[in-house]
């Protein structure tokens, strides 16, 4: 079980901490727009968060190996639960307290990497994430394993607000496609609330409900509970898998801690068929290009001076370097507006609607697919063109889409309207 005992804010940070508490308590709107005290910052951009989806590549591809749609639904749940442990942990693997406020990506910021074959036949798994909207913030991502025909694409649009504590709603959704079975799974994320705000002992908890629904007719409903005053057990959940329209007679039931151990019972036989321990999983490292070889718009290169200052706990330098990036981005936005420039996303195309997601979401209680940041679809051809360095091919693709000409400015791609 995860140790939830947190260090409180250091004495030298107390005044800044209480000032921050006062500001969020009176602020109206999305808290992500507020400037957090430097000691709360994480040396990681939100653009990197999709990494958690596939840190265990063998679990990511496992569903496609089953010929049973029922078993695939269970394997998708197992994989999904494995993604929650470290994504929401207050500490890293060494036990060190993590910064709770990740860096806000700028429009067009990208994060790319891959998990190489583990020698056991998992194949290569590629990840691309891009900040497709800044107001409101939204990150689109695509994770794919060509060898096994598995693809996860989605958009996450976090919106935070204060009501006795900090609440984070994660709007948007993901679609997991298993091409060998012509099957798609709609996945939503639960809300987060941060406990320990007043004491400075911060810890994230999941609450509410999330869903996984497959095009083969199976639905998984996951209910999350925070630490109760009776049980005292944090990070608990209960999930049921049932055939669509038969929620009262579930096939499987999973219960336990998403941060630790849980069991799965076959409700027809009453037997426990799976015991899972998230702490026993070994995370596989993502292979990312060295910072010096990355483009200026890639997360780790763009934020390198800020993350170094965060790791060195250099408060003055954090503010200085972070301010440079934010001011440069404001100036870019100002120039675009003044010159009638329309931003062109690198790897994702905006769509008016997602009929696949709409069909899968139909009938799910309290579920909205609206993210506020739009619906974005992965453009694989564009990614392959950029990966191969075929800029001419990319230019032709742009011209086919609309009367725009692509140009590069300070490593950031924008498009400028021309007459036709």
Protein backbone atom coordinates (compact mmCIF):
# COMPACT_ATOMS: atom_id res chain seq x y z
CA UNK A 1 0.00 0.00 0.00
CA UNK A 2 1.22 3.48 -0.81
CA UNK A 3 2.55 5.50 2.09
CA UNK A 4 0.30 8.52 2.31
CA UNK A 5 2.24 10.31 5.03
CA UNK A 6 3.43 13.54 3.43
CA UNK A 7 5.98 16.07 4.55
CA UNK A 8 4.39 19.39 5.31
CA UNK A 9 5.45 22.61 3.64
CA UNK A 10 8.94 23.61 4.75
CA UNK A 11 9.11 26.58 7.18
CA UNK A 12 10.71 28.86 4.55
CA UNK A 13 7.78 28.14 2.23
CA UNK A 14 4.94 28.65 4.72
CA UNK A 15 4.19 32.27 3.88
CA UNK A 16 4.11 31.53 0.14
CA UNK A 17 1.97 28.47 0.82
CA UNK A 18 -0.67 30.32 2.82
CA UNK A 19 -0.66 33.11 0.25
CA UNK A 20 -1.35 30.51 -2.43
CA UNK A 21 -4.17 28.95 -0.37
CA UNK A 22 -5.75 32.37 -0.01
CA UNK A 23 -5.53 33.00 -3.75
CA UNK A 24 -7.12 29.69 -4.79
CA UNK A 25 -9.88 30.01 -2.19
CA UNK A 26 -11.03 33.31 -3.72
CA UNK A 27 -10.24 32.58 -7.37
CA UNK A 28 -13.09 32.01 -9.82
CA UNK A 29 -12.22 29.89 -12.83
CA UNK A 30 -9.71 27.23 -13.85
CA UNK A 31 -6.93 27.02 -11.24
CA UNK A 32 -4.41 25.91 -13.87
CA UNK A 33 -4.14 29.56 -14.93
CA UNK A 34 -2.84 30.55 -11.49
CA UNK A 35 0.88 30.81 -10.80
CA UNK A 36 1.82 28.22 -8.18
CA UNK A 37 4.67 28.69 -5.68
CA UNK A 38 7.89 27.33 -7.23
CA UNK A 39 8.30 24.67 -4.52
CA UNK A 40 5.02 23.07 -5.67
CA UNK A 41 6.12 22.69 -9.29
CA UNK A 42 6.88 19.34 -10.86
CA UNK A 43 9.78 19.16 -13.37
CA UNK A 44 7.40 17.52 -15.84
CA UNK A 45 5.08 18.97 -18.45
CA UNK A 46 1.47 17.78 -18.65
CA UNK A 47 2.37 16.74 -22.21
CA UNK A 48 4.38 13.87 -20.69
CA UNK A 49 1.45 12.40 -18.75
CA UNK A 50 0.27 10.06 -21.57
CA UNK A 51 3.42 8.05 -20.77
CA UNK A 52 1.52 6.40 -17.93
CA UNK A 53 -0.83 4.70 -20.39
CA UNK A 54 1.84 2.32 -21.70
CA UNK A 55 4.57 1.97 -19.08
CA UNK A 56 3.72 -1.72 -19.07
CA UNK A 57 3.73 -2.59 -22.80
CA UNK A 58 2.95 -6.27 -22.21
CA UNK A 59 -0.31 -5.29 -20.44
CA UNK A 60 -1.07 -2.71 -23.13
CA UNK A 61 -1.03 -5.34 -25.89
CA UNK A 62 -2.40 -8.26 -23.83
CA UNK A 63 -6.09 -7.79 -24.78
CA UNK A 64 -5.46 -8.35 -28.48
CA UNK A 65 -4.05 -11.82 -27.78
CA UNK A 66 -7.40 -13.14 -26.56
CA UNK A 67 -10.04 -14.51 -28.90
CA UNK A 68 -12.80 -13.90 -26.35
CA UNK A 69 -14.49 -10.47 -26.28
CA UNK A 70 -15.43 -11.08 -22.64
CA UNK A 71 -11.85 -11.85 -21.66
CA UNK A 72 -10.58 -8.85 -23.65
CA UNK A 73 -12.85 -6.60 -21.59
CA UNK A 74 -11.25 -8.00 -18.42
CA UNK A 75 -7.73 -7.58 -19.81
CA UNK A 76 -8.46 -3.98 -20.78
CA UNK A 77 -9.58 -3.31 -17.19
CA UNK A 78 -6.40 -4.93 -15.84
CA UNK A 79 -4.26 -2.75 -18.12
CA UNK A 80 -6.22 0.40 -17.26
CA UNK A 81 -5.86 -0.13 -13.50
CA UNK A 82 -2.11 -0.63 -13.97
CA UNK A 83 -1.85 2.92 -15.39
CA UNK A 84 -3.22 4.64 -12.26
CA UNK A 85 -0.62 3.77 -9.61
CA UNK A 86 2.25 6.05 -10.61
CA UNK A 87 0.19 8.59 -12.47
CA UNK A 88 -1.48 9.63 -9.21
CA UNK A 89 1.20 8.81 -6.69
CA UNK A 90 2.37 11.56 -4.33
CA UNK A 91 5.87 10.06 -4.38
CA UNK A 92 8.23 8.67 -7.00
CA UNK A 93 9.70 5.17 -6.96
CA UNK A 94 12.56 6.27 -4.69
CA UNK A 95 10.06 7.53 -2.12
CA UNK A 96 10.78 11.19 -2.81
CA UNK A 97 7.84 13.57 -2.64
CA UNK A 98 6.69 14.66 -6.12
CA UNK A 99 5.84 18.20 -7.14
CA UNK A 100 2.07 18.43 -7.37
CA UNK A 101 1.79 21.13 -10.05
CA UNK A 102 3.06 20.01 -13.48
CA UNK A 103 4.18 22.56 -16.05
CA UNK A 104 1.45 23.92 -18.32
CA UNK A 105 2.33 23.06 -21.94
CA UNK A 106 2.36 25.83 -24.52
CA UNK A 107 0.35 25.57 -27.72
CA UNK A 108 2.17 23.26 -30.13
CA UNK A 109 4.38 21.66 -27.49
CA UNK A 110 5.07 18.00 -28.29
CA UNK A 111 6.41 15.00 -26.44
CA UNK A 112 7.58 11.91 -28.32
CA UNK A 113 9.21 8.61 -27.42
CA UNK A 114 8.97 4.86 -27.71
CA UNK A 115 9.15 1.67 -25.70
CA UNK A 116 11.41 -0.81 -27.46
CA UNK A 117 10.66 -4.53 -27.79
CA UNK A 118 11.35 -6.21 -24.44
CA UNK A 119 12.68 -9.36 -26.06
CA UNK A 120 9.45 -11.22 -25.30
CA UNK A 121 7.60 -10.22 -28.45
CA UNK A 122 5.87 -7.04 -27.31
CA UNK A 123 7.16 -5.11 -30.33
CA UNK A 124 7.82 -1.38 -30.40
CA UNK A 125 5.25 1.01 -28.90
CA UNK A 126 5.34 4.65 -30.04
CA UNK A 127 4.00 7.70 -28.20
CA UNK A 128 3.25 11.18 -29.53
CA UNK A 129 1.53 13.89 -27.47
CA UNK A 130 0.75 17.43 -28.59
CA UNK A 131 -0.78 20.44 -26.88
CA UNK A 132 -3.60 21.19 -29.31
CA UNK A 133 -5.33 23.90 -27.27
CA UNK A 134 -4.12 26.38 -24.68
CA UNK A 135 -7.37 28.11 -23.70
CA UNK A 136 -8.84 25.80 -22.54
CA UNK A 137 -5.80 23.52 -22.16
CA UNK A 138 -6.05 20.19 -24.01
CA UNK A 139 -3.46 17.53 -24.82
CA UNK A 140 -4.02 15.05 -27.66
CA UNK A 141 -2.04 11.81 -27.75
CA UNK A 142 -1.53 8.69 -29.80
CA UNK A 143 0.10 5.48 -28.59
CA UNK A 144 0.47 2.66 -31.08
CA UNK A 145 1.99 -0.79 -31.39
CA UNK A 146 1.99 -1.73 -35.06
CA UNK A 147 3.15 -5.30 -34.50
CA UNK A 148 0.05 -6.17 -32.49
CA UNK A 149 -2.35 -3.70 -34.07
CA UNK A 150 -3.07 -1.80 -30.86
CA UNK A 151 -3.72 1.95 -30.86
CA UNK A 152 -4.78 4.35 -28.13
CA UNK A 153 -5.68 7.88 -29.10
CA UNK A 154 -7.43 10.52 -27.08
CA UNK A 155 -7.60 13.99 -25.63
CA UNK A 156 -7.34 15.05 -22.01
CA UNK A 157 -8.50 18.50 -20.93
CA UNK A 158 -7.97 19.01 -17.17
CA UNK A 159 -10.01 21.72 -15.48
CA UNK A 160 -9.44 22.48 -11.81
CA UNK A 161 -11.43 24.44 -9.26
CA UNK A 162 -11.54 24.98 -5.50
CA UNK A 163 -14.38 23.94 -3.20
CA UNK A 164 -13.02 23.13 0.29
CA UNK A 165 -10.18 21.42 -1.58
CA UNK A 166 -8.76 21.31 -5.12
CA UNK A 167 -10.83 19.30 -7.60
CA UNK A 168 -9.59 18.33 -11.06
CA UNK A 169 -12.07 17.27 -13.72
CA UNK A 170 -10.42 15.45 -16.63
CA UNK A 171 -12.64 16.07 -19.60
CA UNK A 172 -12.10 14.20 -22.82
CA UNK A 173 -11.77 10.48 -23.52
CA UNK A 174 -9.59 7.81 -25.13
CA UNK A 175 -10.30 5.16 -27.76
CA UNK A 176 -8.37 1.89 -27.56
CA UNK A 177 -8.52 0.06 -30.89
CA UNK A 178 -7.63 -3.61 -31.35
CA UNK A 179 -7.43 -3.89 -35.12
CA UNK A 180 -7.10 -7.68 -35.20
CA UNK A 181 -10.57 -7.94 -33.65
CA UNK A 182 -12.08 -4.84 -35.27
CA UNK A 183 -12.85 -3.72 -31.72
CA UNK A 184 -12.77 -0.32 -29.99
CA UNK A 185 -12.97 0.53 -26.30
CA UNK A 186 -14.12 3.94 -25.06
CA UNK A 187 -12.26 4.99 -21.88
CA UNK A 188 -12.97 7.90 -19.54
CA UNK A 189 -10.99 9.15 -16.54
CA UNK A 190 -12.19 9.79 -12.98
CA UNK A 191 -11.94 13.18 -11.23
CA UNK A 192 -9.11 13.90 -8.80
CA UNK A 193 -9.27 15.82 -5.58
CA UNK A 194 -6.25 16.88 -3.56
CA UNK A 195 -6.49 16.28 0.17
CA UNK A 196 -4.33 17.96 2.81
CA UNK A 197 -4.51 21.44 1.29
CA UNK A 198 -4.80 23.33 4.57
CA UNK A 199 -2.01 21.40 6.28
CA UNK A 200 0.32 21.45 3.29
CA UNK A 201 0.42 17.63 3.28
CA UNK A 202 -0.83 17.08 -0.26
CA UNK A 203 -2.09 13.76 -1.55
CA UNK A 204 -4.23 13.00 -4.64
CA UNK A 205 -7.36 10.85 -4.40
CA UNK A 206 -9.63 9.55 -7.16
CA UNK A 207 -13.39 9.84 -6.83
CA UNK A 208 -16.57 9.45 -8.81
CA UNK A 209 -16.99 7.04 -11.71
CA UNK A 210 -15.25 6.18 -14.95
CA UNK A 211 -16.23 3.82 -17.76
CA UNK A 212 -14.75 1.44 -20.31
CA UNK A 213 -17.13 0.27 -23.03
CA UNK A 214 -16.26 -2.02 -25.92
CA UNK A 215 -17.83 -2.17 -29.35
CA UNK A 216 -18.27 -5.91 -28.69
CA UNK A 217 -20.97 -5.19 -26.12
CA UNK A 218 -19.26 -5.15 -22.72
CA UNK A 219 -19.23 -2.27 -20.23
CA UNK A 220 -16.97 -1.73 -17.22
CA UNK A 221 -18.15 0.68 -14.53
CA UNK A 222 -15.47 1.75 -12.04
CA UNK A 223 -16.39 3.55 -8.81
CA UNK A 224 -13.63 5.21 -6.76
CA UNK A 225 -13.59 6.03 -3.05
CA UNK A 226 -11.22 8.21 -1.07
CA UNK A 227 -9.90 7.41 2.40
CA UNK A 228 -12.87 6.74 4.66
CA UNK A 229 -13.13 7.68 8.32
CA UNK A 230 -14.30 4.16 9.12
CA UNK A 231 -12.02 1.92 7.06
CA UNK A 232 -9.12 4.35 6.82
CA UNK A 233 -8.11 2.65 3.55
CA UNK A 234 -7.11 5.06 0.76
CA UNK A 235 -7.37 4.65 -3.00
CA UNK A 236 -10.10 2.03 -3.08
CA UNK A 237 -12.29 1.12 -6.04
CA UNK A 238 -14.97 -1.31 -7.11
CA UNK A 239 -15.52 -2.28 -10.75
CA UNK A 240 -18.07 -4.46 -12.51
CA UNK A 241 -17.97 -5.82 -16.03
CA UNK A 242 -21.31 -6.63 -17.56
CA UNK A 243 -22.94 -7.31 -20.88
CA UNK A 244 -24.56 -4.13 -22.18
CA UNK A 245 -28.05 -3.76 -20.75
CA UNK A 246 -27.39 -6.30 -17.95
CA UNK A 247 -25.74 -4.18 -15.27
CA UNK A 248 -27.68 -5.96 -12.53
CA UNK A 249 -26.01 -9.29 -13.41
CA UNK A 250 -22.27 -8.53 -13.73
CA UNK A 251 -19.88 -11.11 -15.12
CA UNK A 252 -16.82 -9.97 -13.17
CA UNK A 253 -16.25 -7.80 -10.11
CA UNK A 254 -12.93 -6.24 -9.13
CA UNK A 255 -12.27 -4.68 -5.72
CA UNK A 256 -9.28 -3.34 -3.83
CA UNK A 257 -6.79 -0.50 -4.16
CA UNK A 258 -5.80 1.01 -7.47
CA UNK A 259 -2.50 1.94 -5.80
CA UNK A 260 -1.89 -1.58 -4.50
CA UNK A 261 -3.64 -4.92 -4.51
CA UNK A 262 -7.02 -5.90 -5.90
CA UNK A 263 -8.88 -9.12 -6.68
CA UNK A 264 -11.20 -10.08 -9.53
CA UNK A 265 -14.08 -12.47 -8.94
CA UNK A 266 -16.08 -14.37 -11.55
CA UNK A 267 -19.63 -13.61 -10.37
CA UNK A 268 -21.03 -16.74 -12.05
CA UNK A 269 -18.83 -19.18 -10.13
CA UNK A 270 -18.07 -16.99 -7.13
CA UNK A 271 -14.36 -17.80 -7.50
CA UNK A 272 -11.46 -15.36 -7.42
CA UNK A 273 -9.79 -15.60 -10.83
CA UNK A 274 -7.18 -12.85 -10.56
CA UNK A 275 -5.03 -11.29 -7.85
CA UNK A 276 -3.19 -8.15 -8.97
CA UNK A 277 -0.57 -6.05 -7.20
CA UNK A 278 0.26 -2.72 -8.85
CA UNK A 279 3.37 -2.41 -6.68
CA UNK A 280 4.87 -5.57 -8.17
CA UNK A 281 4.90 -4.14 -11.69
CA UNK A 282 8.19 -2.94 -13.09
CA UNK A 283 7.80 0.23 -15.13
CA UNK A 284 9.47 0.14 -18.54
CA UNK A 285 11.43 3.28 -19.40
CA UNK A 286 10.42 5.34 -22.40
CA UNK A 287 13.18 5.96 -24.91
CA UNK A 288 13.36 9.68 -25.69
CA UNK A 289 15.81 11.53 -27.94
CA UNK A 290 18.62 13.33 -26.06
CA UNK A 291 17.56 16.89 -25.27
CA UNK A 292 20.22 18.38 -27.56
CA UNK A 293 18.76 16.44 -30.51
CA UNK A 294 15.17 17.49 -29.86
CA UNK A 295 13.30 20.29 -31.60
CA UNK A 296 12.69 23.49 -29.67
CA UNK A 297 8.99 22.66 -29.40
CA UNK A 298 9.61 19.30 -27.68
CA UNK A 299 8.80 19.30 -23.98
CA UNK A 300 12.09 18.38 -22.38
CA UNK A 301 14.13 20.71 -24.59
CA UNK A 302 11.71 23.61 -24.26
CA UNK A 303 11.52 23.37 -20.46
CA UNK A 304 15.10 22.18 -19.82
CA UNK A 305 16.24 25.32 -17.97
CA UNK A 306 13.07 25.38 -15.86
CA UNK A 307 13.30 21.71 -14.90
CA UNK A 308 16.97 22.13 -14.00
CA UNK A 309 16.07 25.04 -11.73
CA UNK A 310 13.24 23.03 -10.13
CA UNK A 311 15.58 20.11 -9.44
CA UNK A 312 18.10 22.54 -7.95
CA UNK A 313 15.33 24.24 -5.92
CA UNK A 314 16.47 27.58 -7.33
CA UNK A 315 13.31 29.65 -6.86
CA UNK A 316 14.66 32.78 -8.54
CA UNK A 317 15.84 30.91 -11.61
CA UNK A 318 12.56 28.99 -11.85
CA UNK A 319 10.61 32.22 -12.11
CA UNK A 320 13.07 33.76 -14.55
CA UNK A 321 13.23 30.80 -16.97
CA UNK A 322 9.53 30.02 -16.76
CA UNK A 323 8.73 33.68 -17.43
CA UNK A 324 10.90 33.66 -20.57
CA UNK A 325 8.88 30.84 -22.14
CA UNK A 326 5.53 32.27 -21.12
CA UNK A 327 6.38 35.74 -22.44
CA UNK A 328 7.67 34.32 -25.74
CA UNK A 329 4.42 32.39 -26.17
CA UNK A 330 2.30 35.45 -25.40
CA UNK A 331 4.22 37.42 -28.02
CA UNK A 332 3.71 34.65 -30.60
CA UNK A 333 -0.03 34.62 -29.90
CA UNK A 334 -0.14 38.41 -30.19
CA UNK A 335 1.63 38.35 -33.57
CA UNK A 336 -0.66 35.60 -34.86
CA UNK A 337 -3.75 37.55 -33.92
CA UNK A 338 -2.41 40.77 -35.40
CA UNK A 339 -1.51 39.10 -38.70
CA UNK A 340 -4.50 36.81 -39.09
CA UNK A 341 -2.40 33.68 -38.62
CA UNK A 342 -4.18 30.39 -37.93
CA UNK A 343 -2.36 27.76 -35.88
CA UNK A 344 -1.77 24.45 -37.66
CA UNK A 345 -1.41 21.43 -35.37
CA UNK A 346 1.40 19.09 -36.24
CA UNK A 347 0.01 15.61 -35.73
CA UNK A 348 -3.72 15.97 -35.05
CA UNK A 349 -6.69 17.17 -37.09
CA UNK A 350 -9.73 18.80 -35.50
CA UNK A 351 -13.07 17.12 -36.18
CA UNK A 352 -16.62 18.31 -35.64
CA UNK A 353 -17.73 15.06 -34.03
CA UNK A 354 -16.59 11.52 -33.19
CA UNK A 355 -19.31 9.10 -34.23
CA UNK A 356 -17.50 6.06 -32.82
CA UNK A 357 -17.18 7.62 -29.36
CA UNK A 358 -20.76 8.93 -29.49
CA UNK A 359 -22.09 5.47 -30.28
CA UNK A 360 -20.12 3.83 -27.46
CA UNK A 361 -21.04 6.52 -24.93
CA UNK A 362 -24.76 6.23 -25.58
CA UNK A 363 -26.68 5.37 -22.43
CA UNK A 364 -23.77 5.74 -19.98
CA UNK A 365 -25.00 7.62 -16.93
CA UNK A 366 -23.68 11.14 -16.45
CA UNK A 367 -21.08 10.84 -19.21
CA UNK A 368 -20.25 13.78 -21.46
CA UNK A 369 -17.69 13.61 -24.26
CA UNK A 370 -17.29 17.38 -24.35
CA UNK A 371 -13.71 18.41 -23.54
CA UNK A 372 -13.90 22.12 -24.29
CA UNK A 373 -10.71 21.83 -26.28
CA UNK A 374 -12.28 20.15 -29.32
CA UNK A 375 -12.21 16.66 -30.85
CA UNK A 376 -8.84 15.73 -32.31
CA UNK A 377 -7.93 12.84 -34.59
CA UNK A 378 -4.45 11.41 -35.10
CA UNK A 379 -2.89 12.13 -38.51
CA UNK A 380 -0.57 9.19 -39.07
CA UNK A 381 0.51 10.26 -42.55
CA UNK A 382 1.68 13.62 -41.29
CA UNK A 383 3.61 11.97 -38.46
CA UNK A 384 5.37 9.59 -40.87
CA UNK A 385 6.28 12.51 -43.11
CA UNK A 386 7.84 14.44 -40.24
CA UNK A 387 9.55 11.34 -38.87
CA UNK A 388 11.22 10.75 -42.24
CA UNK A 389 12.11 14.44 -42.64
CA UNK A 390 9.96 14.71 -45.77
CA UNK A 391 9.07 18.42 -45.42
CA UNK A 392 7.98 18.66 -49.07
CA UNK A 393 5.46 15.89 -48.53
CA UNK A 394 4.18 17.72 -45.47
CA UNK A 395 3.82 20.92 -47.49
CA UNK A 396 1.79 19.08 -50.15
CA UNK A 397 -0.45 17.63 -47.45
CA UNK A 398 -1.07 21.11 -46.04
CA UNK A 399 -1.97 22.44 -49.47
CA UNK A 400 -4.44 19.59 -50.00
CA UNK A 401 -6.18 20.32 -46.69
CA UNK A 402 -6.73 24.05 -47.16
CA UNK A 403 -5.30 27.18 -48.83
CA UNK A 404 -2.55 27.57 -46.25
CA UNK A 405 1.18 27.78 -46.56
CA UNK A 406 3.33 26.23 -43.85
CA UNK A 407 6.17 28.19 -42.34
CA UNK A 408 8.49 27.69 -39.42
CA UNK A 409 9.19 30.37 -36.88
CA UNK A 410 11.37 29.85 -33.80
CA UNK A 411 10.83 26.10 -34.14
CA UNK A 412 7.06 26.55 -33.92
CA UNK A 413 4.83 25.75 -36.87
CA UNK A 414 2.08 28.17 -37.79
CA UNK A 415 0.07 28.65 -40.95
CA UNK A 416 -0.60 31.84 -42.78
CA UNK A 417 -3.70 32.42 -44.89
CA UNK A 418 -2.95 33.20 -48.54
CA UNK A 419 -5.24 34.11 -51.40
CA UNK A 420 -6.26 31.52 -53.98
